[in-house]
């Protein structure tokens, strides 16, 4: 029997075999547990198979997007699928261990994975000890730039966790939250 594809609205899946027609079936049985009841159970399981297949195929589809669009790491591809145009190499960076009074630098790499250019117009750190070096900045599609922050350890507690909010001109990503961590010996 040749397989045919039929889209069923009830399940939203693809069936591989034609539906069973009880009137024309040579093994028609009205008794409970007959051949047709077994066939209907098999048909129901066939309808569920594509859903299970999609669950296992989703990572492969995401990997294909990475390769085809040359997006780089999987995190970038995930951002692209979410509709985000700004990708950051890491949401949390560390300046390591430092002594009080030293100045440390932390660098994030930001990438425009969207189709349109945009600007990072500013930022707001939650501590006056942190300042950006190269804002505002413009990013063309596909462009990656370093975003440098200077941390003055005079005002930092021993275990530092500084939150920084970036502000962009993107409609879908007005704010992007980053964190800078480190340890200051007292």
C-alpha atoms as a PDB file:
ATOM      1  CA  UNK A   1       0.000   0.000   0.000  1.00  0.00           C
ATOM      2  CA  UNK A   2       1.520   3.323  -1.024  1.00  0.00           C
ATOM      3  CA  UNK A   3       1.951   5.786   1.774  1.00  0.00           C
ATOM      4  CA  UNK A   4       0.327   9.130   1.343  1.00  0.00           C
ATOM      5  CA  UNK A   5       0.628  12.306   3.358  1.00  0.00           C
ATOM      6  CA  UNK A   6      -2.486  13.840   4.850  1.00  0.00           C
ATOM      7  CA  UNK A   7      -2.520  16.789   7.197  1.00  0.00           C
ATOM      8  CA  UNK A   8      -4.967  16.294  10.014  1.00  0.00           C
ATOM      9  CA  UNK A   9      -6.273  19.393  11.705  1.00  0.00           C
ATOM     10  CA  UNK A  10      -7.300  17.558  14.840  1.00  0.00           C
ATOM     11  CA  UNK A  11      -3.751  16.496  15.693  1.00  0.00           C
ATOM     12  CA  UNK A  12      -1.743  19.005  13.687  1.00  0.00           C
ATOM     13  CA  UNK A  13       0.599  16.208  12.603  1.00  0.00           C
ATOM     14  CA  UNK A  14       1.383  14.251   9.470  1.00  0.00           C
ATOM     15  CA  UNK A  15      -0.070  10.786   9.011  1.00  0.00           C
ATOM     16  CA  UNK A  16       1.876   8.366   6.886  1.00  0.00           C
ATOM     17  CA  UNK A  17      -0.925   5.857   6.116  1.00  0.00           C
ATOM     18  CA  UNK A  18      -4.388   6.525   4.762  1.00  0.00           C
ATOM     19  CA  UNK A  19      -7.233   6.435   7.267  1.00  0.00           C
ATOM     20  CA  UNK A  20      -8.916   3.087   7.891  1.00  0.00           C
ATOM     21  CA  UNK A  21     -12.273   2.669   6.154  1.00  0.00           C
ATOM     22  CA  UNK A  22     -14.257   0.071   8.125  1.00  0.00           C
ATOM     23  CA  UNK A  23     -16.805  -0.586   5.363  1.00  0.00           C
ATOM     24  CA  UNK A  24     -14.172  -1.594   2.805  1.00  0.00           C
ATOM     25  CA  UNK A  25     -11.833  -3.369   5.182  1.00  0.00           C
ATOM     26  CA  UNK A  26     -11.587  -7.121   4.450  1.00  0.00           C
ATOM     27  CA  UNK A  27     -10.977  -7.839   8.151  1.00  0.00           C
ATOM     28  CA  UNK A  28     -13.985  -5.847   9.342  1.00  0.00           C
ATOM     29  CA  UNK A  29     -14.945  -6.836  12.837  1.00  0.00           C
ATOM     30  CA  UNK A  30     -17.467  -5.234  15.138  1.00  0.00           C
ATOM     31  CA  UNK A  31     -16.414  -7.288  18.103  1.00  0.00           C
ATOM     32  CA  UNK A  32     -14.497  -5.549  20.833  1.00  0.00           C
ATOM     33  CA  UNK A  33     -10.802  -6.098  20.363  1.00  0.00           C
ATOM     34  CA  UNK A  34     -11.141  -6.889  16.672  1.00  0.00           C
ATOM     35  CA  UNK A  35      -8.645  -6.071  13.951  1.00  0.00           C
ATOM     36  CA  UNK A  36      -9.996  -2.555  13.429  1.00  0.00           C
ATOM     37  CA  UNK A  37      -9.577  -1.584  17.086  1.00  0.00           C
ATOM     38  CA  UNK A  38      -5.931  -2.661  16.853  1.00  0.00           C
ATOM     39  CA  UNK A  39      -5.576  -0.637  13.651  1.00  0.00           C
ATOM     40  CA  UNK A  40      -7.103   2.457  15.257  1.00  0.00           C
ATOM     41  CA  UNK A  41      -4.640   2.210  18.159  1.00  0.00           C
ATOM     42  CA  UNK A  42      -1.777   1.888  15.674  1.00  0.00           C
ATOM     43  CA  UNK A  43      -3.094   4.891  13.723  1.00  0.00           C
ATOM     44  CA  UNK A  44      -3.249   6.971  16.908  1.00  0.00           C
ATOM     45  CA  UNK A  45       0.353   6.063  17.737  1.00  0.00           C
ATOM     46  CA  UNK A  46       1.443   6.979  14.202  1.00  0.00           C
ATOM     47  CA  UNK A  47      -0.075  10.428  14.665  1.00  0.00           C
ATOM     48  CA  UNK A  48       1.956  10.959  17.840  1.00  0.00           C
ATOM     49  CA  UNK A  49       5.225   9.865  16.246  1.00  0.00           C
ATOM     50  CA  UNK A  50       5.931  13.191  14.428  1.00  0.00           C
ATOM     51  CA  UNK A  51       5.516  15.134  17.695  1.00  0.00           C
ATOM     52  CA  UNK A  52       8.115  12.943  19.400  1.00  0.00           C
ATOM     53  CA  UNK A  53      10.335  13.232  16.338  1.00  0.00           C
ATOM     54  CA  UNK A  54      10.155  17.044  16.509  1.00  0.00           C
ATOM     55  CA  UNK A  55      11.217  17.029  20.164  1.00  0.00           C
ATOM     56  CA  UNK A  56      14.368  15.135  19.262  1.00  0.00           C
ATOM     57  CA  UNK A  57      14.916  17.102  16.046  1.00  0.00           C
ATOM     58  CA  UNK A  58      14.777  20.568  17.671  1.00  0.00           C
ATOM     59  CA  UNK A  59      18.500  20.621  18.649  1.00  0.00           C
ATOM     60  CA  UNK A  60      19.444  19.533  15.130  1.00  0.00           C
ATOM     61  CA  UNK A  61      17.286  22.289  13.637  1.00  0.00           C
ATOM     62  CA  UNK A  62      18.959  24.852  15.913  1.00  0.00           C
ATOM     63  CA  UNK A  63      22.395  23.552  14.881  1.00  0.00           C
ATOM     64  CA  UNK A  64      21.386  23.872  11.237  1.00  0.00           C
ATOM     65  CA  UNK A  65      20.443  27.511  11.839  1.00  0.00           C
ATOM     66  CA  UNK A  66      23.894  28.073  13.375  1.00  0.00           C
ATOM     67  CA  UNK A  67      25.644  26.577  10.350  1.00  0.00           C
ATOM     68  CA  UNK A  68      23.461  28.118   7.639  1.00  0.00           C
ATOM     69  CA  UNK A  69      23.451  31.633   9.086  1.00  0.00           C
ATOM     70  CA  UNK A  70      27.038  31.441  10.362  1.00  0.00           C
ATOM     71  CA  UNK A  71      26.002  32.609  13.821  1.00  0.00           C
ATOM     72  CA  UNK A  72      28.833  31.040  15.760  1.00  0.00           C
ATOM     73  CA  UNK A  73      28.187  29.642  19.233  1.00  0.00           C
ATOM     74  CA  UNK A  74      24.927  27.984  20.223  1.00  0.00           C
ATOM     75  CA  UNK A  75      24.103  30.874  22.598  1.00  0.00           C
ATOM     76  CA  UNK A  76      24.101  33.265  19.642  1.00  0.00           C
ATOM     77  CA  UNK A  77      21.824  30.954  17.674  1.00  0.00           C
ATOM     78  CA  UNK A  78      19.456  30.759  20.631  1.00  0.00           C
ATOM     79  CA  UNK A  79      19.331  34.565  20.798  1.00  0.00           C
ATOM     80  CA  UNK A  80      18.614  34.676  17.063  1.00  0.00           C
ATOM     81  CA  UNK A  81      15.733  32.208  17.393  1.00  0.00           C
ATOM     82  CA  UNK A  82      14.285  34.324  20.248  1.00  0.00           C
ATOM     83  CA  UNK A  83      14.335  37.365  17.980  1.00  0.00           C
ATOM     84  CA  UNK A  84      17.121  39.151  19.838  1.00  0.00           C
ATOM     85  CA  UNK A  85      19.582  41.184  17.766  1.00  0.00           C
ATOM     86  CA  UNK A  86      22.212  41.846  20.469  1.00  0.00           C
ATOM     87  CA  UNK A  87      24.327  38.887  21.582  1.00  0.00           C
ATOM     88  CA  UNK A  88      26.877  39.114  24.394  1.00  0.00           C
ATOM     89  CA  UNK A  89      29.706  36.579  24.746  1.00  0.00           C
ATOM     90  CA  UNK A  90      28.887  36.128  28.455  1.00  0.00           C
ATOM     91  CA  UNK A  91      26.322  37.695  30.780  1.00  0.00           C
ATOM     92  CA  UNK A  92      28.740  37.467  33.729  1.00  0.00           C
ATOM     93  CA  UNK A  93      32.452  38.377  33.667  1.00  0.00           C
ATOM     94  CA  UNK A  94      34.998  38.378  36.475  1.00  0.00           C
ATOM     95  CA  UNK A  95      37.847  40.787  37.164  1.00  0.00           C
ATOM     96  CA  UNK A  96      39.434  38.132  39.380  1.00  0.00           C
ATOM     97  CA  UNK A  97      41.168  38.943  42.670  1.00  0.00           C
ATOM     98  CA  UNK A  98      42.316  42.450  43.422  1.00  0.00           C
ATOM     99  CA  UNK A  99      43.664  44.662  46.191  1.00  0.00           C
ATOM    100  CA  UNK A 100      41.790  47.767  47.387  1.00  0.00           C
ATOM    101  CA  UNK A 101      42.644  50.860  45.363  1.00  0.00           C
ATOM    102  CA  UNK A 102      43.468  49.007  42.155  1.00  0.00           C
ATOM    103  CA  UNK A 103      41.726  49.545  38.844  1.00  0.00           C
ATOM    104  CA  UNK A 104      40.536  46.464  36.982  1.00  0.00           C
ATOM    105  CA  UNK A 105      39.214  46.190  33.449  1.00  0.00           C
ATOM    106  CA  UNK A 106      36.501  43.814  32.250  1.00  0.00           C
ATOM    107  CA  UNK A 107      35.672  43.346  28.563  1.00  0.00           C
ATOM    108  CA  UNK A 108      32.431  41.994  27.106  1.00  0.00           C
ATOM    109  CA  UNK A 109      32.144  41.259  23.392  1.00  0.00           C
ATOM    110  CA  UNK A 110      28.843  42.364  21.865  1.00  0.00           C
ATOM    111  CA  UNK A 111      27.617  41.204  18.452  1.00  0.00           C
ATOM    112  CA  UNK A 112      24.809  42.412  16.201  1.00  0.00           C
ATOM    113  CA  UNK A 113      23.139  39.204  14.958  1.00  0.00           C
ATOM    114  CA  UNK A 114      20.145  41.071  13.558  1.00  0.00           C
ATOM    115  CA  UNK A 115      19.536  42.395  10.046  1.00  0.00           C
ATOM    116  CA  UNK A 116      19.610  46.113  10.986  1.00  0.00           C
ATOM    117  CA  UNK A 117      22.218  48.365  12.585  1.00  0.00           C
ATOM    118  CA  UNK A 118      21.595  49.659  16.110  1.00  0.00           C
ATOM    119  CA  UNK A 119      23.306  51.610  18.887  1.00  0.00           C
ATOM    120  CA  UNK A 120      24.139  50.885  22.482  1.00  0.00           C
ATOM    121  CA  UNK A 121      23.405  54.355  23.798  1.00  0.00           C
ATOM    122  CA  UNK A 122      24.464  53.990  27.404  1.00  0.00           C
ATOM    123  CA  UNK A 123      24.516  51.940  30.571  1.00  0.00           C
ATOM    124  CA  UNK A 124      23.660  52.125  34.248  1.00  0.00           C
ATOM    125  CA  UNK A 125      25.893  50.233  36.691  1.00  0.00           C
ATOM    126  CA  UNK A 126      24.492  49.782  40.204  1.00  0.00           C
ATOM    127  CA  UNK A 127      27.817  50.926  41.689  1.00  0.00           C
ATOM    128  CA  UNK A 128      29.697  54.183  41.100  1.00  0.00           C
ATOM    129  CA  UNK A 129      32.910  52.137  41.054  1.00  0.00           C
ATOM    130  CA  UNK A 130      32.160  50.960  37.483  1.00  0.00           C
ATOM    131  CA  UNK A 131      32.357  53.051  34.324  1.00  0.00           C
ATOM    132  CA  UNK A 132      32.138  52.183  30.619  1.00  0.00           C
ATOM    133  CA  UNK A 133      35.029  53.187  28.367  1.00  0.00           C
ATOM    134  CA  UNK A 134      33.572  53.121  24.854  1.00  0.00           C
ATOM    135  CA  UNK A 135      29.883  54.032  24.965  1.00  0.00           C
ATOM    136  CA  UNK A 136      27.850  54.967  23.000  1.00  0.00           C
ATOM    137  CA  UNK A 137      28.683  52.593  20.161  1.00  0.00           C
ATOM    138  CA  UNK A 138      27.096  51.589  16.854  1.00  0.00           C
ATOM    139  CA  UNK A 139      26.933  48.012  15.594  1.00  0.00           C
ATOM    140  CA  UNK A 140      26.330  47.075  11.962  1.00  0.00           C
ATOM    141  CA  UNK A 141      24.791  43.674  11.109  1.00  0.00           C
ATOM    142  CA  UNK A 142      27.309  40.906  11.840  1.00  0.00           C
ATOM    143  CA  UNK A 143      29.721  43.244  13.617  1.00  0.00           C
ATOM    144  CA  UNK A 144      31.367  42.371  16.958  1.00  0.00           C
ATOM    145  CA  UNK A 145      32.956  45.002  19.196  1.00  0.00           C
ATOM    146  CA  UNK A 146      34.555  44.943  22.633  1.00  0.00           C
ATOM    147  CA  UNK A 147      32.730  46.765  25.423  1.00  0.00           C
ATOM    148  CA  UNK A 148      35.211  47.781  28.146  1.00  0.00           C
ATOM    149  CA  UNK A 149      34.343  48.545  31.765  1.00  0.00           C
ATOM    150  CA  UNK A 150      36.700  49.931  34.382  1.00  0.00           C
ATOM    151  CA  UNK A 151      36.173  48.851  38.002  1.00  0.00           C
ATOM    152  CA  UNK A 152      37.762  50.928  40.798  1.00  0.00           C
ATOM    153  CA  UNK A 153      38.137  48.567  43.745  1.00  0.00           C
ATOM    154  CA  UNK A 154      38.183  51.330  46.419  1.00  0.00           C
ATOM    155  CA  UNK A 155      34.393  51.208  46.768  1.00  0.00           C
ATOM    156  CA  UNK A 156      33.925  47.476  46.187  1.00  0.00           C
ATOM    157  CA  UNK A 157      33.047  45.035  48.979  1.00  0.00           C
ATOM    158  CA  UNK A 158      35.131  41.885  49.399  1.00  0.00           C
ATOM    159  CA  UNK A 159      32.850  39.776  47.170  1.00  0.00           C
ATOM    160  CA  UNK A 160      31.726  42.071  44.398  1.00  0.00           C
ATOM    161  CA  UNK A 161      28.704  41.545  42.180  1.00  0.00           C
ATOM    162  CA  UNK A 162      28.046  44.635  40.086  1.00  0.00           C
ATOM    163  CA  UNK A 163      24.963  44.721  37.866  1.00  0.00           C
ATOM    164  CA  UNK A 164      25.159  46.743  34.659  1.00  0.00           C
ATOM    165  CA  UNK A 165      22.150  47.520  32.452  1.00  0.00           C
ATOM    166  CA  UNK A 166      22.872  48.376  28.807  1.00  0.00           C
ATOM    167  CA  UNK A 167      20.403  50.571  26.904  1.00  0.00           C
ATOM    168  CA  UNK A 168      19.954  50.086  23.154  1.00  0.00           C
ATOM    169  CA  UNK A 169      17.931  51.495  20.274  1.00  0.00           C
ATOM    170  CA  UNK A 170      16.420  48.061  19.564  1.00  0.00           C
ATOM    171  CA  UNK A 171      12.647  47.756  19.817  1.00  0.00           C
ATOM    172  CA  UNK A 172      12.795  44.154  21.070  1.00  0.00           C
ATOM    173  CA  UNK A 173      15.787  44.540  23.407  1.00  0.00           C
ATOM    174  CA  UNK A 174      15.716  47.973  25.030  1.00  0.00           C
ATOM    175  CA  UNK A 175      17.709  46.751  28.034  1.00  0.00           C
ATOM    176  CA  UNK A 176      20.344  44.041  28.437  1.00  0.00           C
ATOM    177  CA  UNK A 177      21.523  43.020  31.910  1.00  0.00           C
ATOM    178  CA  UNK A 178      25.155  42.092  32.564  1.00  0.00           C
ATOM    179  CA  UNK A 179      27.089  41.336  35.750  1.00  0.00           C
ATOM    180  CA  UNK A 180      30.690  41.898  36.823  1.00  0.00           C
ATOM    181  CA  UNK A 181      32.015  39.820  39.698  1.00  0.00           C
ATOM    182  CA  UNK A 182      35.296  39.700  41.550  1.00  0.00           C
ATOM    183  CA  UNK A 183      37.029  39.489  44.883  1.00  0.00           C
ATOM    184  CA  UNK A 184      38.758  42.348  46.701  1.00  0.00           C
ATOM    185  CA  UNK A 185      41.145  41.434  49.544  1.00  0.00           C
ATOM    186  CA  UNK A 186      40.633  43.676  52.573  1.00  0.00           C
END
